[in-house]
Amino acid sequence: MRKLIDHIQMNRLLDRLAAVKEKLTPNERELFHKLKAKYREPGATGFDDKTCLEVMLRNIEIRRGYALDPKDTVGRIIDLPRTGDAEDP
């Protein structure tokens, strides 16, 4: 019964985020789409998925309060250090 309640709560949070997804940053939008696909099936579970969605909703309100535009936020950048092992031209 607990899994069903968690699934319903996740779908409600996903629905709330779907209504405001244009206000998500690129990283948040990517996670939103992954979680939305994951929770299409009732058996899906995740340790902190609900918390992630709640944080995204909170972030939208924080950005609104500070008049920040999510379009100005740069997407995820992973800058890996170069090693001498790679063959550079």
C-alpha atoms as a PDB file:
ATOM      1  CA  MET A   1       0.000   0.000   0.000  1.00  0.00           C
ATOM      2  CA  ARG A   2       2.896   2.324   0.771  1.00  0.00           C
ATOM      3  CA  LYS A   3       4.287   1.987  -2.765  1.00  0.00           C
ATOM      4  CA  LEU A   4       0.925   2.997  -4.231  1.00  0.00           C
ATOM      5  CA  ILE A   5       0.815   6.111  -2.042  1.00  0.00           C
ATOM      6  CA  ASP A   6       4.390   7.003  -3.046  1.00  0.00           C
ATOM      7  CA  HIS A   7       3.503   6.536  -6.705  1.00  0.00           C
ATOM      8  CA  ILE A   8       0.465   8.801  -6.394  1.00  0.00           C
ATOM      9  CA  GLN A   9       2.524  11.472  -4.612  1.00  0.00           C
ATOM     10  CA  MET A  10       5.200  11.294  -7.305  1.00  0.00           C
ATOM     11  CA  ASN A  11       2.622  11.670 -10.062  1.00  0.00           C
ATOM     12  CA  ARG A  12       1.102  14.685  -8.321  1.00  0.00           C
ATOM     13  CA  LEU A  13       4.532  16.324  -8.044  1.00  0.00           C
ATOM     14  CA  LEU A  14       5.280  15.485 -11.683  1.00  0.00           C
ATOM     15  CA  ASP A  15       1.946  17.038 -12.717  1.00  0.00           C
ATOM     16  CA  ARG A  16       2.733  20.202 -10.745  1.00  0.00           C
ATOM     17  CA  LEU A  17       6.139  20.440 -12.413  1.00  0.00           C
ATOM     18  CA  ALA A  18       4.692  19.739 -15.867  1.00  0.00           C
ATOM     19  CA  ALA A  19       2.562  22.857 -15.473  1.00  0.00           C
ATOM     20  CA  VAL A  20       5.656  25.017 -14.879  1.00  0.00           C
ATOM     21  CA  LYS A  21       8.378  23.103 -16.733  1.00  0.00           C
ATOM     22  CA  GLU A  22       9.345  26.178 -18.766  1.00  0.00           C
ATOM     23  CA  LYS A  23      10.614  27.644 -15.487  1.00  0.00           C
ATOM     24  CA  LEU A  24      13.053  24.765 -14.915  1.00  0.00           C
ATOM     25  CA  THR A  25      16.770  25.087 -15.568  1.00  0.00           C
ATOM     26  CA  PRO A  26      18.279  22.761 -18.187  1.00  0.00           C
ATOM     27  CA  ASN A  27      19.581  20.360 -15.520  1.00  0.00           C
ATOM     28  CA  GLU A  28      16.243  20.306 -13.705  1.00  0.00           C
ATOM     29  CA  ARG A  29      14.383  19.764 -16.983  1.00  0.00           C
ATOM     30  CA  GLU A  30      16.613  16.792 -17.795  1.00  0.00           C
ATOM     31  CA  LEU A  31      15.953  15.202 -14.390  1.00  0.00           C
ATOM     32  CA  PHE A  32      12.231  15.954 -14.695  1.00  0.00           C
ATOM     33  CA  HIS A  33      12.011  14.072 -18.001  1.00  0.00           C
ATOM     34  CA  LYS A  34      13.957  11.106 -16.603  1.00  0.00           C
ATOM     35  CA  LEU A  35      11.711  10.868 -13.548  1.00  0.00           C
ATOM     36  CA  LYS A  36       8.573  11.317 -15.625  1.00  0.00           C
ATOM     37  CA  ALA A  37       9.607   8.378 -17.814  1.00  0.00           C
ATOM     38  CA  LYS A  38      10.562   6.321 -14.754  1.00  0.00           C
ATOM     39  CA  TYR A  39       7.197   6.806 -13.023  1.00  0.00           C
ATOM     40  CA  ARG A  40       4.994   5.905 -15.973  1.00  0.00           C
ATOM     41  CA  GLU A  41       4.906   2.400 -14.540  1.00  0.00           C
ATOM     42  CA  PRO A  42       3.371   1.881 -11.058  1.00  0.00           C
ATOM     43  CA  GLY A  43       6.221  -0.306  -9.765  1.00  0.00           C
ATOM     44  CA  ALA A  44       8.911   2.373  -9.959  1.00  0.00           C
ATOM     45  CA  THR A  45      10.567   3.465  -6.740  1.00  0.00           C
ATOM     46  CA  GLY A  46      13.373   5.779  -5.827  1.00  0.00           C
ATOM     47  CA  PHE A  47      15.027   6.754  -2.588  1.00  0.00           C
ATOM     48  CA  ASP A  48      15.179  10.503  -3.138  1.00  0.00           C
ATOM     49  CA  ASP A  49      13.092  11.103  -6.263  1.00  0.00           C
ATOM     50  CA  LYS A  50      10.289  12.790  -4.341  1.00  0.00           C
ATOM     51  CA  THR A  51      12.779  15.073  -2.610  1.00  0.00           C
ATOM     52  CA  CYS A  52      14.300  16.034  -5.966  1.00  0.00           C
ATOM     53  CA  LEU A  53      10.913  17.093  -7.325  1.00  0.00           C
ATOM     54  CA  GLU A  54      10.109  19.047  -4.173  1.00  0.00           C
ATOM     55  CA  VAL A  55      13.467  20.846  -4.426  1.00  0.00           C
ATOM     56  CA  MET A  56      12.784  21.740  -8.065  1.00  0.00           C
ATOM     57  CA  LEU A  57       9.434  23.271  -7.085  1.00  0.00           C
ATOM     58  CA  ARG A  58      11.154  25.176  -4.290  1.00  0.00           C
ATOM     59  CA  ASN A  59      13.870  26.382  -6.675  1.00  0.00           C
ATOM     60  CA  ILE A  60      11.237  27.796  -9.022  1.00  0.00           C
ATOM     61  CA  GLU A  61       9.821  29.866  -6.174  1.00  0.00           C
ATOM     62  CA  ILE A  62      13.293  31.019  -5.090  1.00  0.00           C
ATOM     63  CA  ARG A  63      14.180  32.111  -8.630  1.00  0.00           C
ATOM     64  CA  ARG A  64      10.853  33.917  -8.899  1.00  0.00           C
ATOM     65  CA  GLY A  65      11.561  35.750  -5.633  1.00  0.00           C
ATOM     66  CA  TYR A  66      14.978  36.882  -6.866  1.00  0.00           C
ATOM     67  CA  ALA A  67      13.736  37.600 -10.410  1.00  0.00           C
ATOM     68  CA  LEU A  68      16.149  35.071 -11.927  1.00  0.00           C
ATOM     69  CA  ASP A  69      15.517  33.688 -15.393  1.00  0.00           C
ATOM     70  CA  PRO A  70      16.151  29.925 -15.730  1.00  0.00           C
ATOM     71  CA  LYS A  71      17.145  30.484 -19.379  1.00  0.00           C
ATOM     72  CA  ASP A  72      20.225  32.349 -18.133  1.00  0.00           C
ATOM     73  CA  THR A  73      21.420  29.241 -16.294  1.00  0.00           C
ATOM     74  CA  VAL A  74      24.089  27.235 -18.052  1.00  0.00           C
ATOM     75  CA  GLY A  75      23.539  23.505 -18.428  1.00  0.00           C
ATOM     76  CA  ARG A  76      25.717  20.893 -16.814  1.00  0.00           C
ATOM     77  CA  ILE A  77      29.402  21.244 -17.652  1.00  0.00           C
ATOM     78  CA  ILE A  78      31.805  18.518 -16.652  1.00  0.00           C
ATOM     79  CA  ASP A  79      35.375  19.657 -17.042  1.00  0.00           C
ATOM     80  CA  LEU A  80      37.603  16.615 -16.734  1.00  0.00           C
ATOM     81  CA  PRO A  81      41.313  17.116 -16.198  1.00  0.00           C
ATOM     82  CA  ARG A  82      43.504  16.105 -19.116  1.00  0.00           C
ATOM     83  CA  THR A  83      46.051  13.386 -18.618  1.00  0.00           C
ATOM     84  CA  GLY A  84      49.174  12.633 -20.592  1.00  0.00           C
ATOM     85  CA  ASP A  85      47.705   9.310 -21.719  1.00  0.00           C
ATOM     86  CA  ALA A  86      45.503  10.753 -24.445  1.00  0.00           C
ATOM     87  CA  GLU A  87      46.917  11.087 -27.928  1.00  0.00           C
ATOM     88  CA  ASP A  88      46.711  14.754 -28.812  1.00  0.00           C
ATOM     89  CA  PRO A  89      47.232  15.859 -32.411  1.00  0.00           C
END
